[in-house]
Amino acid sequence: MSVIIDIVQGLGSIVISLINIYIWVIIISALLSFVNPDPYNPIVQFLNRVTQPAYNLVRRFINTNMGGIDLAPLVIVIGLQVITVIISAILGSLY
């Protein structure tokens, strides 16, 4: 049984790491939106392809435009942090 718990905790750690990477991608994308970068840059295109589906999902349910500032990245980051805390609590309770 201990081996299964170790495998689940390892997979949970990988999921938490992937969530943290995606949070950084969202932060970088949000910061780049203030600079108005070249839309043909491959890095900018990659960031838009990765973040726009999540932004559109949040915008469908919540009005995130407050005074010309889009708060969708903030909503997503907070949601992902909540998910990270929940996963960490579940993994911590396995022992």
C-alpha atoms as a PDB file:
ATOM      1  CA  MET A   1       0.000   0.000   0.000  1.00  0.00           C
ATOM      2  CA  SER A   2       2.912   2.329   0.672  1.00  0.00           C
ATOM      3  CA  VAL A   3       4.084   2.024  -2.940  1.00  0.00           C
ATOM      4  CA  ILE A   4       0.696   3.208  -4.240  1.00  0.00           C
ATOM      5  CA  ILE A   5       0.755   6.188  -1.884  1.00  0.00           C
ATOM      6  CA  ASP A   6       4.257   7.085  -3.078  1.00  0.00           C
ATOM      7  CA  ILE A   7       3.149   6.863  -6.718  1.00  0.00           C
ATOM      8  CA  VAL A   8       0.084   9.042  -6.064  1.00  0.00           C
ATOM      9  CA  GLN A   9       2.199  11.605  -4.225  1.00  0.00           C
ATOM     10  CA  GLY A  10       4.740  11.639  -7.048  1.00  0.00           C
ATOM     11  CA  LEU A  11       2.026  12.176  -9.633  1.00  0.00           C
ATOM     12  CA  GLY A  12       0.493  14.882  -7.441  1.00  0.00           C
ATOM     13  CA  SER A  13       3.849  16.640  -7.238  1.00  0.00           C
ATOM     14  CA  ILE A  14       4.106  16.557 -11.030  1.00  0.00           C
ATOM     15  CA  VAL A  15       0.616  18.042 -11.356  1.00  0.00           C
ATOM     16  CA  ILE A  16       1.467  20.805  -8.874  1.00  0.00           C
ATOM     17  CA  SER A  17       4.668  21.569 -10.806  1.00  0.00           C
ATOM     18  CA  LEU A  18       2.746  21.777 -14.089  1.00  0.00           C
ATOM     19  CA  ILE A  19       0.199  24.113 -12.489  1.00  0.00           C
ATOM     20  CA  ASN A  20       3.016  26.333 -11.227  1.00  0.00           C
ATOM     21  CA  ILE A  21       4.575  26.449 -14.699  1.00  0.00           C
ATOM     22  CA  TYR A  22       1.212  27.423 -16.204  1.00  0.00           C
ATOM     23  CA  ILE A  23       0.828  30.162 -13.583  1.00  0.00           C
ATOM     24  CA  TRP A  24       4.165  31.609 -14.695  1.00  0.00           C
ATOM     25  CA  VAL A  25       3.100  31.395 -18.342  1.00  0.00           C
ATOM     26  CA  ILE A  26      -0.040  33.372 -17.490  1.00  0.00           C
ATOM     27  CA  ILE A  27       1.955  35.967 -15.562  1.00  0.00           C
ATOM     28  CA  ILE A  28       4.421  36.406 -18.441  1.00  0.00           C
ATOM     29  CA  SER A  29       1.571  36.662 -20.951  1.00  0.00           C
ATOM     30  CA  ALA A  30      -0.215  39.265 -18.819  1.00  0.00           C
ATOM     31  CA  LEU A  31       2.939  41.338 -18.444  1.00  0.00           C
ATOM     32  CA  LEU A  32       3.611  41.169 -22.180  1.00  0.00           C
ATOM     33  CA  SER A  33       0.116  42.459 -22.897  1.00  0.00           C
ATOM     34  CA  PHE A  34       1.108  45.789 -21.314  1.00  0.00           C
ATOM     35  CA  VAL A  35       4.021  46.191 -23.762  1.00  0.00           C
ATOM     36  CA  ASN A  36       2.050  45.291 -26.924  1.00  0.00           C
ATOM     37  CA  PRO A  37       4.671  42.964 -28.453  1.00  0.00           C
ATOM     38  CA  ASP A  38       4.962  41.908 -32.083  1.00  0.00           C
ATOM     39  CA  PRO A  39       2.071  39.467 -32.722  1.00  0.00           C
ATOM     40  CA  TYR A  40       4.184  37.529 -35.251  1.00  0.00           C
ATOM     41  CA  ASN A  41       6.859  36.658 -32.695  1.00  0.00           C
ATOM     42  CA  PRO A  42       6.800  32.858 -32.148  1.00  0.00           C
ATOM     43  CA  ILE A  43       7.037  33.211 -28.370  1.00  0.00           C
ATOM     44  CA  VAL A  44       4.114  35.635 -28.269  1.00  0.00           C
ATOM     45  CA  GLN A  45       2.088  33.342 -30.523  1.00  0.00           C
ATOM     46  CA  PHE A  46       2.839  30.372 -28.257  1.00  0.00           C
ATOM     47  CA  LEU A  47       1.829  32.325 -25.145  1.00  0.00           C
ATOM     48  CA  ASN A  48      -1.414  33.408 -26.804  1.00  0.00           C
ATOM     49  CA  ARG A  49      -2.234  29.877 -27.952  1.00  0.00           C
ATOM     50  CA  VAL A  50      -1.654  28.522 -24.452  1.00  0.00           C
ATOM     51  CA  THR A  51      -3.453  31.226 -22.459  1.00  0.00           C
ATOM     52  CA  GLN A  52      -6.341  32.415 -24.649  1.00  0.00           C
ATOM     53  CA  PRO A  53      -8.524  29.289 -24.165  1.00  0.00           C
ATOM     54  CA  ALA A  54      -8.348  29.731 -20.381  1.00  0.00           C
ATOM     55  CA  TYR A  55      -9.023  33.481 -20.680  1.00  0.00           C
ATOM     56  CA  ASN A  56     -12.029  32.838 -22.924  1.00  0.00           C
ATOM     57  CA  LEU A  57     -13.417  30.264 -20.498  1.00  0.00           C
ATOM     58  CA  VAL A  58     -13.221  32.720 -17.597  1.00  0.00           C
ATOM     59  CA  ARG A  59     -14.616  35.593 -19.697  1.00  0.00           C
ATOM     60  CA  ARG A  60     -17.609  33.454 -20.660  1.00  0.00           C
ATOM     61  CA  PHE A  61     -18.745  33.223 -17.018  1.00  0.00           C
ATOM     62  CA  ILE A  62     -17.327  36.376 -15.405  1.00  0.00           C
ATOM     63  CA  ASN A  63     -17.100  39.944 -16.678  1.00  0.00           C
ATOM     64  CA  THR A  64     -13.375  40.527 -16.179  1.00  0.00           C
ATOM     65  CA  ASN A  65     -13.012  43.906 -17.898  1.00  0.00           C
ATOM     66  CA  MET A  66     -12.689  46.520 -15.159  1.00  0.00           C
ATOM     67  CA  GLY A  67     -11.884  49.991 -16.429  1.00  0.00           C
ATOM     68  CA  GLY A  68      -9.994  48.759 -19.477  1.00  0.00           C
ATOM     69  CA  ILE A  69      -7.933  46.236 -17.513  1.00  0.00           C
ATOM     70  CA  ASP A  70      -8.613  42.547 -18.081  1.00  0.00           C
ATOM     71  CA  LEU A  71      -8.655  40.657 -14.806  1.00  0.00           C
ATOM     72  CA  ALA A  72      -8.980  37.184 -16.367  1.00  0.00           C
ATOM     73  CA  PRO A  73      -5.303  36.328 -15.677  1.00  0.00           C
ATOM     74  CA  LEU A  74      -5.755  37.263 -12.018  1.00  0.00           C
ATOM     75  CA  VAL A  75      -8.885  35.107 -11.703  1.00  0.00           C
ATOM     76  CA  ILE A  76      -7.102  32.156 -13.311  1.00  0.00           C
ATOM     77  CA  VAL A  77      -3.995  32.499 -11.127  1.00  0.00           C
ATOM     78  CA  ILE A  78      -6.096  32.656  -7.961  1.00  0.00           C
ATOM     79  CA  GLY A  79      -8.117  29.630  -9.070  1.00  0.00           C
ATOM     80  CA  LEU A  80      -4.981  27.643  -9.856  1.00  0.00           C
ATOM     81  CA  GLN A  81      -3.483  28.559  -6.483  1.00  0.00           C
ATOM     82  CA  VAL A  82      -6.629  27.282  -4.758  1.00  0.00           C
ATOM     83  CA  ILE A  83      -6.369  24.026  -6.724  1.00  0.00           C
ATOM     84  CA  THR A  84      -2.699  23.726  -5.734  1.00  0.00           C
ATOM     85  CA  VAL A  85      -3.542  24.158  -2.048  1.00  0.00           C
ATOM     86  CA  ILE A  86      -6.317  21.563  -2.274  1.00  0.00           C
ATOM     87  CA  ILE A  87      -4.066  19.032  -4.025  1.00  0.00           C
ATOM     88  CA  SER A  88      -1.294  19.644  -1.478  1.00  0.00           C
ATOM     89  CA  ALA A  89      -3.742  19.111   1.402  1.00  0.00           C
ATOM     90  CA  ILE A  90      -5.018  15.876  -0.136  1.00  0.00           C
ATOM     91  CA  LEU A  91      -1.495  14.583  -0.741  1.00  0.00           C
ATOM     92  CA  GLY A  92      -0.459  15.549   2.792  1.00  0.00           C
ATOM     93  CA  SER A  93      -3.341  13.628   4.295  1.00  0.00           C
ATOM     94  CA  LEU A  94      -2.353  10.372   2.602  1.00  0.00           C
ATOM     95  CA  TYR A  95       0.165   9.531   5.312  1.00  0.00           C
END
